[in-house]
C-alpha atoms as a PDB file:
ATOM      1  CA  MET A   1       0.000   0.000   0.000  1.00  0.00           C
ATOM      2  CA  THR A   2       1.055   3.589  -0.540  1.00  0.00           C
ATOM      3  CA  ILE A   3      -0.125   6.583   1.455  1.00  0.00           C
ATOM      4  CA  HIS A   4       0.029   9.908  -0.392  1.00  0.00           C
ATOM      5  CA  ILE A   5      -0.083  13.087   1.672  1.00  0.00           C
ATOM      6  CA  GLU A   6       0.038  16.134  -0.568  1.00  0.00           C
ATOM      7  CA  GLU A   7       0.396  19.800   0.307  1.00  0.00           C
ATOM      8  CA  LEU A   8       0.305  19.420   4.085  1.00  0.00           C
ATOM      9  CA  THR A   9       0.627  23.120   4.913  1.00  0.00           C
ATOM     10  CA  PHE A  10       1.351  24.877   8.186  1.00  0.00           C
ATOM     11  CA  ASP A  11       3.517  27.617   9.702  1.00  0.00           C
ATOM     12  CA  VAL A  12       6.666  26.696  11.598  1.00  0.00           C
ATOM     13  CA  ILE A  13      10.022  28.093  12.713  1.00  0.00           C
ATOM     14  CA  ILE A  14      12.556  26.665  10.253  1.00  0.00           C
ATOM     15  CA  GLY A  15      15.668  28.203   8.733  1.00  0.00           C
ATOM     16  CA  LEU A  16      19.008  29.834   9.457  1.00  0.00           C
ATOM     17  CA  LEU A  17      18.272  33.507   8.879  1.00  0.00           C
ATOM     18  CA  ASP A  18      17.481  35.755  11.846  1.00  0.00           C
ATOM     19  CA  PHE A  19      13.936  36.496  10.703  1.00  0.00           C
ATOM     20  CA  GLU A  20      13.309  32.765  10.131  1.00  0.00           C
ATOM     21  CA  ARG A  21      14.230  32.053  13.759  1.00  0.00           C
ATOM     22  CA  GLU A  22      11.766  34.689  15.024  1.00  0.00           C
ATOM     23  CA  THR A  23       8.726  34.378  12.789  1.00  0.00           C
ATOM     24  CA  ALA A  24       7.010  31.192  11.657  1.00  0.00           C
ATOM     25  CA  GLN A  25       6.822  30.707   7.909  1.00  0.00           C
ATOM     26  CA  LYS A  26       4.683  28.521   5.698  1.00  0.00           C
ATOM     27  CA  VAL A  27       6.002  25.093   4.761  1.00  0.00           C
ATOM     28  CA  VAL A  28       4.358  22.626   2.402  1.00  0.00           C
ATOM     29  CA  LEU A  29       5.060  18.902   2.687  1.00  0.00           C
ATOM     30  CA  THR A  30       4.406  16.064   0.279  1.00  0.00           C
ATOM     31  CA  MET A  31       4.952  12.478   1.409  1.00  0.00           C
ATOM     32  CA  GLU A  32       4.644   8.983   0.019  1.00  0.00           C
ATOM     33  CA  ILE A  33       4.834   6.020   2.346  1.00  0.00           C
ATOM     34  CA  ASP A  34       4.937   2.455   1.012  1.00  0.00           C
ATOM     35  CA  TYR A  35       4.245  -0.118   3.686  1.00  0.00           C
ATOM     36  CA  PHE A  36       3.334  -3.720   4.255  1.00  0.00           C
ATOM     37  CA  TYR A  37      -0.394  -3.729   4.938  1.00  0.00           C
ATOM     38  CA  GLU A  38      -1.991  -6.026   7.447  1.00  0.00           C
ATOM     39  CA  LYS A  39      -5.313  -5.380   9.154  1.00  0.00           C
ATOM     40  CA  SER A  40      -3.645  -5.094  12.531  1.00  0.00           C
ATOM     41  CA  GLN A  41      -0.754  -2.939  11.255  1.00  0.00           C
ATOM     42  CA  PHE A  42      -2.212  -0.261   9.022  1.00  0.00           C
ATOM     43  CA  ILE A  43      -0.818   3.276   9.036  1.00  0.00           C
ATOM     44  CA  ASN A  44      -3.289   6.019   9.879  1.00  0.00           C
ATOM     45  CA  TYR A  45      -2.585   8.922   7.513  1.00  0.00           C
ATOM     46  CA  ALA A  46      -4.152  11.463   9.891  1.00  0.00           C
ATOM     47  CA  ASP A  47      -1.734  10.348  12.612  1.00  0.00           C
ATOM     48  CA  VAL A  48       1.192  10.670  10.185  1.00  0.00           C
ATOM     49  CA  ALA A  49       0.233  14.250   9.276  1.00  0.00           C
ATOM     50  CA  LEU A  50      -0.164  15.212  12.931  1.00  0.00           C
ATOM     51  CA  LEU A  51       3.089  13.527  13.968  1.00  0.00           C
ATOM     52  CA  VAL A  52       5.047  15.355  11.251  1.00  0.00           C
ATOM     53  CA  GLU A  53       3.555  18.721  12.128  1.00  0.00           C
ATOM     54  CA  GLU A  54       4.212  18.205  15.855  1.00  0.00           C
ATOM     55  CA  LYS A  55       7.832  17.162  15.170  1.00  0.00           C
ATOM     56  CA  LEU A  56       8.552  20.291  13.121  1.00  0.00           C
ATOM     57  CA  HIS A  57       6.900  22.572  15.677  1.00  0.00           C
ATOM     58  CA  LEU A  58       8.859  20.984  18.523  1.00  0.00           C
ATOM     59  CA  GLU A  59      12.321  20.905  16.942  1.00  0.00           C
ATOM     60  CA  LYS A  60      12.390  24.270  15.104  1.00  0.00           C
ATOM     61  CA  TYR A  61      15.070  23.024  12.721  1.00  0.00           C
ATOM     62  CA  GLU A  62      17.607  25.348  11.151  1.00  0.00           C
ATOM     63  CA  LEU A  63      18.176  23.213   8.043  1.00  0.00           C
ATOM     64  CA  LEU A  64      15.668  21.471   5.804  1.00  0.00           C
ATOM     65  CA  GLU A  65      18.111  18.547   5.689  1.00  0.00           C
ATOM     66  CA  GLU A  66      17.823  18.131   9.466  1.00  0.00           C
ATOM     67  CA  ALA A  67      14.039  18.383   9.264  1.00  0.00           C
ATOM     68  CA  LEU A  68      13.879  15.616   6.642  1.00  0.00           C
ATOM     69  CA  LEU A  69      16.040  13.313   8.747  1.00  0.00           C
ATOM     70  CA  GLY A  70      14.056  14.085  11.907  1.00  0.00           C
ATOM     71  CA  ILE A  71      10.755  13.287  10.216  1.00  0.00           C
ATOM     72  CA  LYS A  72      12.163  10.064   8.794  1.00  0.00           C
ATOM     73  CA  GLU A  73      13.410   9.002  12.228  1.00  0.00           C
ATOM     74  CA  VAL A  74      10.124   9.607  14.038  1.00  0.00           C
ATOM     75  CA  LEU A  75       8.033   7.861  11.368  1.00  0.00           C
ATOM     76  CA  ILE A  76      10.312   4.831  11.039  1.00  0.00           C
ATOM     77  CA  ASP A  77      10.349   4.435  14.819  1.00  0.00           C
ATOM     78  CA  LYS A  78       6.561   4.558  15.031  1.00  0.00           C
ATOM     79  CA  TYR A  79       5.837   2.500  11.910  1.00  0.00           C
ATOM     80  CA  PRO A  80       8.372  -0.307  11.427  1.00  0.00           C
ATOM     81  CA  ASN A  81       6.287  -1.720   8.544  1.00  0.00           C
ATOM     82  CA  ILE A  82       7.349   1.183   6.262  1.00  0.00           C
ATOM     83  CA  LYS A  83       9.358  -0.125   3.319  1.00  0.00           C
ATOM     84  CA  ARG A  84       9.825   3.109   1.332  1.00  0.00           C
ATOM     85  CA  PHE A  85       9.462   6.714   2.353  1.00  0.00           C
ATOM     86  CA  PHE A  86       9.572   9.912   0.280  1.00  0.00           C
ATOM     87  CA  ILE A  87       9.267  13.421   1.680  1.00  0.00           C
ATOM     88  CA  LYS A  88       9.523  16.848   0.125  1.00  0.00           C
ATOM     89  CA  ILE A  89       9.540  20.051   2.180  1.00  0.00           C
ATOM     90  CA  SER A  90       8.920  23.337   0.380  1.00  0.00           C
ATOM     91  CA  LYS A  91       9.281  26.904   1.605  1.00  0.00           C
ATOM     92  CA  PRO A  92       7.064  28.799  -0.835  1.00  0.00           C
ATOM     93  CA  ASP A  93       7.603  32.272   0.601  1.00  0.00           C
ATOM     94  CA  ILE A  94      11.349  32.408   1.351  1.00  0.00           C
ATOM     95  CA  LEU A  95      12.323  33.791  -2.092  1.00  0.00           C
ATOM     96  CA  GLN A  96      10.154  36.102  -4.172  1.00  0.00           C
ATOM     97  CA  ASN A  97      10.631  34.457  -7.541  1.00  0.00           C
ATOM     98  CA  CYS A  98      10.550  30.738  -6.740  1.00  0.00           C
ATOM     99  CA  ILE A  99       9.586  27.966  -4.352  1.00  0.00           C
ATOM    100  CA  VAL A 100      12.529  26.339  -2.574  1.00  0.00           C
ATOM    101  CA  SER A 101      12.246  22.619  -1.792  1.00  0.00           C
ATOM    102  CA  LEU A 102      14.320  19.733  -0.525  1.00  0.00           C
ATOM    103  CA  SER A 103      13.392  16.075  -0.874  1.00  0.00           C
ATOM    104  CA  GLN A 104      14.677  12.602  -0.081  1.00  0.00           C
ATOM    105  CA  ASN A 105      13.621   9.064  -0.869  1.00  0.00           C
ATOM    106  CA  TRP A 106      14.531   6.122   1.397  1.00  0.00           C
ATOM    107  CA  ASN A 107      14.181   2.439   0.599  1.00  0.00           C
ATOM    108  CA  LEU A 108      14.135   0.493   3.841  1.00  0.00           C
END
């Protein structure tokens, strides 16, 4: 099975610049999670979205790279039946003329 979570959007402290450390900015996340499905071990997509948002609010990462790795760690710990995980974090408002994103794909 594959869970697709697209355009999960919320405001969070993330970034290196002084203003990014003081004021929350919009981030947009897209995720794909392939997992081994069994009735007793399904992955609740609402829980995944909430867990990711809580992790980013708690940690207030400076780098998108650190945020990606932190999200991976918390999801893999909670859901050991994940076999592949993709995440993309975008900061749509950081530059005026583009959307900046970072992504990673893990095969577990």
